[in-house]
Amino acid sequence: MTAPRAVSEPVVMRRVFQASRSRVFAAWTTPELLARWFGPSSVTILDAHVDLREGGDYRISMRHADGEHVVLAGTFTSVRAPESLIYTWKIEDDVEPETRVSIEFIERGDDTEIFLTHDGFVNDDWRAAHARGWNVSFERFQSVVAALQ
């Protein structure tokens, strides 16, 4: 069985954070820190697991405000700390197919720019939902990175 072909444009985002690349990378990949910023504000992270190596997996268990339990899981296909990450993205028990997230952590003097591409969406609604989620996550990420300084 072949995976469905992506029909929507990828989500592409750039954000600059006032912190070193190593600090930003750590906030993105350390389970305890990830649990503080990941997802919309209405989501509670119940557990986060990160095996940060090529072929390693990650799993984020979360509860939405309405009580719905969701598990996001995937595999790291490229890990170049602290420069970049590529990983698969699949919400367990969901009909939508696996997608892919690529992130570059770019030094900008004392700051770090994150360049994120999330692709593989089979419809515009799914793409739009993820774009909203990434926007909120980036807002929350800023406060976590700021607290690390």
Foldseek 3Di string as FASTA:
>chain_A
DDADFADDAKQKDKDKAQAALQLLQCCCAPFVNCQQQAWAPQKHWPGWDHPQDAQTKIKTWIAGNVGDIKIWMWGWNDHDPSAKTKIWIDIPPDPWDIKMKIWGWDDDDRMTMIIIIIDDGRDPVVNVVVNVTVVRSVVSSNVSSVVVD
